[in-house]
């Protein structure tokens, strides 16, 4: 599996813009990370992806 298969490019770019969220994401278990990555694949636009990443850790 390649990096692109594991992490959608829009997800990666959005994480790169939010280092605090990236740090939180990196601290998750592999299973939790996979759940979030799988959810990111449902986003259809740049704005949806930005909102998804910005709200990942808000309850």
C-alpha atoms as a PDB file:
ATOM      1  CA  UNK A   1       0.000   0.000   0.000  1.00  0.00           C
ATOM      2  CA  UNK A   2       1.367   3.403  -0.932  1.00  0.00           C
ATOM      3  CA  UNK A   3       1.226   6.610   1.087  1.00  0.00           C
ATOM      4  CA  UNK A   4      -1.519   7.924  -1.211  1.00  0.00           C
ATOM      5  CA  UNK A   5      -3.589   4.791  -0.594  1.00  0.00           C
ATOM      6  CA  UNK A   6      -3.286   5.260   3.140  1.00  0.00           C
ATOM      7  CA  UNK A   7      -3.854   9.027   3.361  1.00  0.00           C
ATOM      8  CA  UNK A   8      -5.958  10.997   0.877  1.00  0.00           C
ATOM      9  CA  UNK A   9      -3.952  13.978  -0.361  1.00  0.00           C
ATOM     10  CA  UNK A  10      -6.584  16.487   0.753  1.00  0.00           C
ATOM     11  CA  UNK A  11      -6.528  15.013   4.245  1.00  0.00           C
ATOM     12  CA  UNK A  12      -2.746  15.214   4.376  1.00  0.00           C
ATOM     13  CA  UNK A  13      -2.748  18.810   3.149  1.00  0.00           C
ATOM     14  CA  UNK A  14      -5.373  19.839   5.685  1.00  0.00           C
ATOM     15  CA  UNK A  15      -3.453  18.183   8.518  1.00  0.00           C
ATOM     16  CA  UNK A  16      -0.283  19.973   7.424  1.00  0.00           C
ATOM     17  CA  UNK A  17      -2.074  23.299   7.881  1.00  0.00           C
ATOM     18  CA  UNK A  18      -3.013  22.428  11.472  1.00  0.00           C
ATOM     19  CA  UNK A  19       0.025  21.197  13.365  1.00  0.00           C
ATOM     20  CA  UNK A  20      -1.904  21.021  16.638  1.00  0.00           C
ATOM     21  CA  UNK A  21      -4.448  18.653  15.071  1.00  0.00           C
ATOM     22  CA  UNK A  22      -1.654  16.693  13.390  1.00  0.00           C
ATOM     23  CA  UNK A  23      -0.029  16.177  16.797  1.00  0.00           C
ATOM     24  CA  UNK A  24      -3.302  14.901  18.251  1.00  0.00           C
ATOM     25  CA  UNK A  25      -3.843  12.618  15.268  1.00  0.00           C
ATOM     26  CA  UNK A  26      -0.321  11.189  15.599  1.00  0.00           C
ATOM     27  CA  UNK A  27      -0.968  10.309  19.244  1.00  0.00           C
ATOM     28  CA  UNK A  28      -3.953   8.093  18.387  1.00  0.00           C
ATOM     29  CA  UNK A  29      -3.807   4.326  18.108  1.00  0.00           C
ATOM     30  CA  UNK A  30      -3.470   2.912  14.590  1.00  0.00           C
ATOM     31  CA  UNK A  31      -7.100   1.766  14.746  1.00  0.00           C
ATOM     32  CA  UNK A  32      -8.339   5.247  15.671  1.00  0.00           C
ATOM     33  CA  UNK A  33      -6.193   6.809  12.954  1.00  0.00           C
ATOM     34  CA  UNK A  34      -7.615   4.374  10.395  1.00  0.00           C
ATOM     35  CA  UNK A  35     -11.188   5.228  11.425  1.00  0.00           C
ATOM     36  CA  UNK A  36     -10.471   8.929  10.875  1.00  0.00           C
ATOM     37  CA  UNK A  37      -8.713   8.323   7.550  1.00  0.00           C
ATOM     38  CA  UNK A  38     -11.632   6.179   6.396  1.00  0.00           C
ATOM     39  CA  UNK A  39     -14.003   9.006   7.315  1.00  0.00           C
ATOM     40  CA  UNK A  40     -11.910  11.484   5.364  1.00  0.00           C
ATOM     41  CA  UNK A  41     -12.504   9.464   2.197  1.00  0.00           C
ATOM     42  CA  UNK A  42     -16.168  10.483   2.357  1.00  0.00           C
ATOM     43  CA  UNK A  43     -15.377  14.180   1.905  1.00  0.00           C
ATOM     44  CA  UNK A  44     -16.286  15.481  -1.553  1.00  0.00           C
ATOM     45  CA  UNK A  45     -14.735  18.950  -1.564  1.00  0.00           C
ATOM     46  CA  UNK A  46     -11.796  20.888  -0.183  1.00  0.00           C
ATOM     47  CA  UNK A  47     -14.100  22.773   2.179  1.00  0.00           C
ATOM     48  CA  UNK A  48     -15.654  19.560   3.496  1.00  0.00           C
ATOM     49  CA  UNK A  49     -12.164  18.166   4.130  1.00  0.00           C
ATOM     50  CA  UNK A  50     -11.059  21.330   5.923  1.00  0.00           C
ATOM     51  CA  UNK A  51     -14.133  21.206   8.137  1.00  0.00           C
ATOM     52  CA  UNK A  52     -13.610  17.499   8.793  1.00  0.00           C
ATOM     53  CA  UNK A  53     -10.006  17.995   9.892  1.00  0.00           C
ATOM     54  CA  UNK A  54     -10.757  21.126  11.925  1.00  0.00           C
ATOM     55  CA  UNK A  55     -13.537  19.328  13.800  1.00  0.00           C
ATOM     56  CA  UNK A  56     -11.958  15.870  14.247  1.00  0.00           C
ATOM     57  CA  UNK A  57     -11.323  16.330  17.966  1.00  0.00           C
ATOM     58  CA  UNK A  58     -14.312  18.429  18.914  1.00  0.00           C
ATOM     59  CA  UNK A  59     -16.927  16.396  20.691  1.00  0.00           C
END
